Amino acid sequence: MHLDSLDVPSAAQDDAALRAVLRAARSLHHAAISDSLAASLPVLRRLLASGIFVGMSLPALHRGRHRVRRKHLLRLLAVEAGAASWEHYRPQLRARSAAQLPHFDIVRRSAGYPNSWFSSLADAEAHAAQYGGRALAVGRQAVGLNGP
């Protein structure tokens, strides 16, 4: 049997989802340790909301933001995607393509502001059905994006 006859994705395709998550974690890490409040506070809030750092206030975490490591952001992304941990999420990425990761959607990156934020995906989907656009889950919240 020849290897080219097997329906196996190439290594580049196989790692595309993993590379997208690692890229996102790197970007979040840079933002989290930034001196800019506008850059660091949203990421630090997500870390607190997901339970990565327990028993800390936002001001305390901001003062100690130098303690935030890339592993914390990888766990954050895993938890936001519904996995128990990074260790459980990483193998799942092998079975996915980068296009199957809505958290890292190119449309979301290029979406204009202001966007409509909702406390649940169901609320965002209802808004998108009524006014057009699409809903995208972001952690436990969701955003309504205008356009297709």
C-alpha atoms as a PDB file:
ATOM      1  CA  MET A   1       0.000   0.000   0.000  1.00  0.00           C
ATOM      2  CA  HIS A   2       1.323   3.411  -0.942  1.00  0.00           C
ATOM      3  CA  LEU A   3       1.236   6.317   1.460  1.00  0.00           C
ATOM      4  CA  ASP A   4      -0.178   8.639  -1.156  1.00  0.00           C
ATOM      5  CA  SER A   5      -3.283   6.443  -1.401  1.00  0.00           C
ATOM      6  CA  LEU A   6      -4.182   7.068   2.241  1.00  0.00           C
ATOM      7  CA  ASP A   7      -6.540   9.905   3.084  1.00  0.00           C
ATOM      8  CA  VAL A   8      -4.208  11.511   5.602  1.00  0.00           C
ATOM      9  CA  PRO A   9      -3.884  15.290   5.875  1.00  0.00           C
ATOM     10  CA  SER A  10      -0.440  16.730   5.376  1.00  0.00           C
ATOM     11  CA  ALA A  11       1.580  17.809   8.392  1.00  0.00           C
ATOM     12  CA  ALA A  12       1.037  21.446   7.469  1.00  0.00           C
ATOM     13  CA  GLN A  13      -2.743  21.010   7.384  1.00  0.00           C
ATOM     14  CA  ASP A  14      -2.629  18.861  10.515  1.00  0.00           C
ATOM     15  CA  ASP A  15      -0.867  21.573  12.493  1.00  0.00           C
ATOM     16  CA  ALA A  16      -2.780  24.580  11.126  1.00  0.00           C
ATOM     17  CA  ALA A  17      -5.276  24.634  14.003  1.00  0.00           C
ATOM     18  CA  LEU A  18      -2.527  24.172  16.573  1.00  0.00           C
ATOM     19  CA  ARG A  19      -0.483  26.963  15.017  1.00  0.00           C
ATOM     20  CA  ALA A  20      -3.527  29.264  15.057  1.00  0.00           C
ATOM     21  CA  VAL A  21      -4.043  28.639  18.775  1.00  0.00           C
ATOM     22  CA  LEU A  22      -0.348  29.137  19.564  1.00  0.00           C
ATOM     23  CA  ARG A  23      -0.367  32.390  17.575  1.00  0.00           C
ATOM     24  CA  ALA A  24      -3.432  33.591  19.472  1.00  0.00           C
ATOM     25  CA  ALA A  25      -1.826  32.679  22.807  1.00  0.00           C
ATOM     26  CA  ARG A  26       1.329  34.595  21.883  1.00  0.00           C
ATOM     27  CA  SER A  27      -0.703  37.655  20.950  1.00  0.00           C
ATOM     28  CA  LEU A  28      -2.738  37.457  24.161  1.00  0.00           C
ATOM     29  CA  HIS A  29       0.431  37.034  26.207  1.00  0.00           C
ATOM     30  CA  HIS A  30       1.955  40.192  24.761  1.00  0.00           C
ATOM     31  CA  ALA A  31      -1.269  42.059  25.512  1.00  0.00           C
ATOM     32  CA  ALA A  32      -1.549  40.658  29.053  1.00  0.00           C
ATOM     33  CA  ILE A  33       1.904  41.824  30.114  1.00  0.00           C
ATOM     34  CA  SER A  34       1.642  45.172  28.333  1.00  0.00           C
ATOM     35  CA  ASP A  35       1.890  48.410  30.300  1.00  0.00           C
ATOM     36  CA  SER A  36      -1.135  49.644  28.367  1.00  0.00           C
ATOM     37  CA  LEU A  37      -4.344  49.251  30.379  1.00  0.00           C
ATOM     38  CA  ALA A  38      -6.356  49.083  27.171  1.00  0.00           C
ATOM     39  CA  ALA A  39      -4.305  46.094  26.016  1.00  0.00           C
ATOM     40  CA  SER A  40      -3.801  44.221  29.280  1.00  0.00           C
ATOM     41  CA  LEU A  41      -7.099  44.578  31.158  1.00  0.00           C
ATOM     42  CA  PRO A  42      -9.336  42.712  28.675  1.00  0.00           C
ATOM     43  CA  VAL A  43      -6.988  39.725  28.681  1.00  0.00           C
ATOM     44  CA  LEU A  44      -6.572  39.793  32.453  1.00  0.00           C
ATOM     45  CA  ARG A  45     -10.373  39.920  32.861  1.00  0.00           C
ATOM     46  CA  ARG A  46     -10.686  36.832  30.667  1.00  0.00           C
ATOM     47  CA  LEU A  47      -8.095  35.020  32.783  1.00  0.00           C
ATOM     48  CA  LEU A  48     -10.025  35.820  35.940  1.00  0.00           C
ATOM     49  CA  ALA A  49     -13.417  34.954  34.425  1.00  0.00           C
ATOM     50  CA  SER A  50     -12.187  31.568  33.230  1.00  0.00           C
ATOM     51  CA  GLY A  51     -10.754  30.648  36.620  1.00  0.00           C
ATOM     52  CA  ILE A  52      -7.131  30.527  35.524  1.00  0.00           C
ATOM     53  CA  PHE A  53      -6.193  32.822  38.416  1.00  0.00           C
ATOM     54  CA  VAL A  54      -8.325  32.221  41.498  1.00  0.00           C
ATOM     55  CA  GLY A  55      -8.645  34.516  44.493  1.00  0.00           C
ATOM     56  CA  MET A  56      -7.085  37.539  42.835  1.00  0.00           C
ATOM     57  CA  SER A  57      -8.646  40.880  42.068  1.00  0.00           C
ATOM     58  CA  LEU A  58      -8.169  42.544  38.716  1.00  0.00           C
ATOM     59  CA  PRO A  59      -5.947  45.290  40.204  1.00  0.00           C
ATOM     60  CA  ALA A  60      -3.801  42.664  41.950  1.00  0.00           C
ATOM     61  CA  LEU A  61      -3.456  40.625  38.783  1.00  0.00           C
ATOM     62  CA  HIS A  62      -2.559  43.757  36.825  1.00  0.00           C
ATOM     63  CA  ARG A  63       0.158  44.625  39.329  1.00  0.00           C
ATOM     64  CA  GLY A  64       1.475  41.059  39.064  1.00  0.00           C
ATOM     65  CA  ARG A  65       0.920  40.662  35.319  1.00  0.00           C
ATOM     66  CA  HIS A  66       4.593  39.722  34.914  1.00  0.00           C
ATOM     67  CA  ARG A  67       3.550  36.340  36.411  1.00  0.00           C
ATOM     68  CA  VAL A  68       1.274  35.597  33.455  1.00  0.00           C
ATOM     69  CA  ARG A  69       2.889  32.935  31.300  1.00  0.00           C
ATOM     70  CA  ARG A  70       2.020  31.564  27.881  1.00  0.00           C
ATOM     71  CA  LYS A  71       0.733  28.369  29.536  1.00  0.00           C
ATOM     72  CA  HIS A  72      -1.951  30.444  31.262  1.00  0.00           C
ATOM     73  CA  LEU A  73      -3.144  31.807  27.925  1.00  0.00           C
ATOM     74  CA  LEU A  74      -3.139  28.347  26.347  1.00  0.00           C
ATOM     75  CA  ARG A  75      -5.312  27.106  29.207  1.00  0.00           C
ATOM     76  CA  LEU A  76      -7.583  30.139  28.803  1.00  0.00           C
ATOM     77  CA  LEU A  77      -8.100  29.392  25.118  1.00  0.00           C
ATOM     78  CA  ALA A  78      -8.768  25.725  25.897  1.00  0.00           C
ATOM     79  CA  VAL A  79     -11.323  26.561  28.595  1.00  0.00           C
ATOM     80  CA  GLU A  80     -13.030  29.102  26.336  1.00  0.00           C
ATOM     81  CA  ALA A  81     -13.262  26.418  23.631  1.00  0.00           C
ATOM     82  CA  GLY A  82     -14.985  24.082  26.089  1.00  0.00           C
ATOM     83  CA  ALA A  83     -12.074  21.807  27.002  1.00  0.00           C
ATOM     84  CA  ALA A  84     -11.115  21.004  30.572  1.00  0.00           C
ATOM     85  CA  SER A  85      -7.483  21.987  30.047  1.00  0.00           C
ATOM     86  CA  TRP A  86      -4.804  22.641  27.457  1.00  0.00           C
ATOM     87  CA  GLU A  87      -3.697  19.018  27.782  1.00  0.00           C
ATOM     88  CA  HIS A  88      -7.175  17.878  26.696  1.00  0.00           C
ATOM     89  CA  TYR A  89      -7.550  20.538  24.028  1.00  0.00           C
ATOM     90  CA  ARG A  90      -4.256  20.073  22.200  1.00  0.00           C
ATOM     91  CA  PRO A  91      -5.048  16.557  20.875  1.00  0.00           C
ATOM     92  CA  GLN A  92      -8.459  17.807  19.714  1.00  0.00           C
ATOM     93  CA  LEU A  93      -6.715  20.377  17.524  1.00  0.00           C
ATOM     94  CA  ARG A  94      -5.104  17.628  15.459  1.00  0.00           C
ATOM     95  CA  ALA A  95      -8.566  16.576  14.257  1.00  0.00           C
ATOM     96  CA  ARG A  96      -9.550  20.121  13.243  1.00  0.00           C
ATOM     97  CA  SER A  97      -8.584  22.568  10.589  1.00  0.00           C
ATOM     98  CA  ALA A  98      -7.939  26.229  11.345  1.00  0.00           C
ATOM     99  CA  ALA A  99     -11.255  27.054   9.646  1.00  0.00           C
ATOM    100  CA  GLN A 100     -13.052  25.012  12.316  1.00  0.00           C
ATOM    101  CA  LEU A 101     -11.873  27.309  15.093  1.00  0.00           C
ATOM    102  CA  PRO A 102     -14.438  30.102  15.262  1.00  0.00           C
ATOM    103  CA  HIS A 103     -12.565  31.733  18.154  1.00  0.00           C
ATOM    104  CA  PHE A 104      -9.802  32.658  15.727  1.00  0.00           C
ATOM    105  CA  ASP A 105     -12.051  33.663  12.865  1.00  0.00           C
ATOM    106  CA  ILE A 106     -10.502  36.098  10.394  1.00  0.00           C
ATOM    107  CA  VAL A 107     -13.895  37.785  10.020  1.00  0.00           C
ATOM    108  CA  ARG A 108     -13.902  38.570  13.733  1.00  0.00           C
ATOM    109  CA  ARG A 109     -10.466  40.151  13.523  1.00  0.00           C
ATOM    110  CA  SER A 110     -11.524  42.425  10.716  1.00  0.00           C
ATOM    111  CA  ALA A 111     -14.995  43.198  12.082  1.00  0.00           C
ATOM    112  CA  GLY A 112     -15.675  46.871  12.582  1.00  0.00           C
ATOM    113  CA  TYR A 113     -16.803  48.463  15.791  1.00  0.00           C
ATOM    114  CA  PRO A 114     -19.068  48.870  17.569  1.00  0.00           C
ATOM    115  CA  ASN A 115     -20.116  45.244  17.808  1.00  0.00           C
ATOM    116  CA  SER A 116     -23.080  44.029  19.803  1.00  0.00           C
ATOM    117  CA  TRP A 117     -22.066  41.889  22.775  1.00  0.00           C
ATOM    118  CA  PHE A 118     -24.408  39.415  24.466  1.00  0.00           C
ATOM    119  CA  SER A 119     -24.306  37.347  27.634  1.00  0.00           C
ATOM    120  CA  SER A 120     -25.117  34.169  25.713  1.00  0.00           C
ATOM    121  CA  LEU A 121     -24.738  32.724  22.239  1.00  0.00           C
ATOM    122  CA  ALA A 122     -28.522  32.210  22.046  1.00  0.00           C
ATOM    123  CA  ASP A 123     -29.111  35.955  22.508  1.00  0.00           C
ATOM    124  CA  ALA A 124     -26.527  36.771  19.843  1.00  0.00           C
ATOM    125  CA  GLU A 125     -28.065  34.274  17.417  1.00  0.00           C
ATOM    126  CA  ALA A 126     -31.521  35.776  17.974  1.00  0.00           C
ATOM    127  CA  HIS A 127     -30.100  39.236  17.267  1.00  0.00           C
ATOM    128  CA  ALA A 128     -28.338  38.001  14.129  1.00  0.00           C
ATOM    129  CA  ALA A 129     -31.551  36.335  12.896  1.00  0.00           C
ATOM    130  CA  GLN A 130     -33.499  39.560  13.374  1.00  0.00           C
ATOM    131  CA  TYR A 131     -30.953  42.124  12.140  1.00  0.00           C
ATOM    132  CA  GLY A 132     -28.630  40.081   9.934  1.00  0.00           C
ATOM    133  CA  GLY A 133     -25.022  39.146  10.439  1.00  0.00           C
ATOM    134  CA  ARG A 134     -23.781  36.237  12.467  1.00  0.00           C
ATOM    135  CA  ALA A 135     -23.157  35.255  16.054  1.00  0.00           C
ATOM    136  CA  LEU A 136     -19.794  34.144  17.366  1.00  0.00           C
ATOM    137  CA  ALA A 137     -19.157  32.637  20.795  1.00  0.00           C
ATOM    138  CA  VAL A 138     -16.325  34.233  22.755  1.00  0.00           C
ATOM    139  CA  GLY A 139     -15.848  32.385  26.003  1.00  0.00           C
ATOM    140  CA  ARG A 140     -19.154  32.395  27.880  1.00  0.00           C
ATOM    141  CA  GLN A 141     -20.309  35.473  25.995  1.00  0.00           C
ATOM    142  CA  ALA A 142     -21.031  36.115  22.337  1.00  0.00           C
ATOM    143  CA  VAL A 143     -20.698  38.887  19.806  1.00  0.00           C
ATOM    144  CA  GLY A 144     -22.978  39.761  16.908  1.00  0.00           C
ATOM    145  CA  LEU A 145     -20.988  40.567  13.775  1.00  0.00           C
ATOM    146  CA  ASN A 146     -22.468  42.593  10.950  1.00  0.00           C
ATOM    147  CA  GLY A 147     -22.332  41.288   7.412  1.00  0.00           C
ATOM    148  CA  PRO A 148     -22.304  37.760   5.991  1.00  0.00           C
END
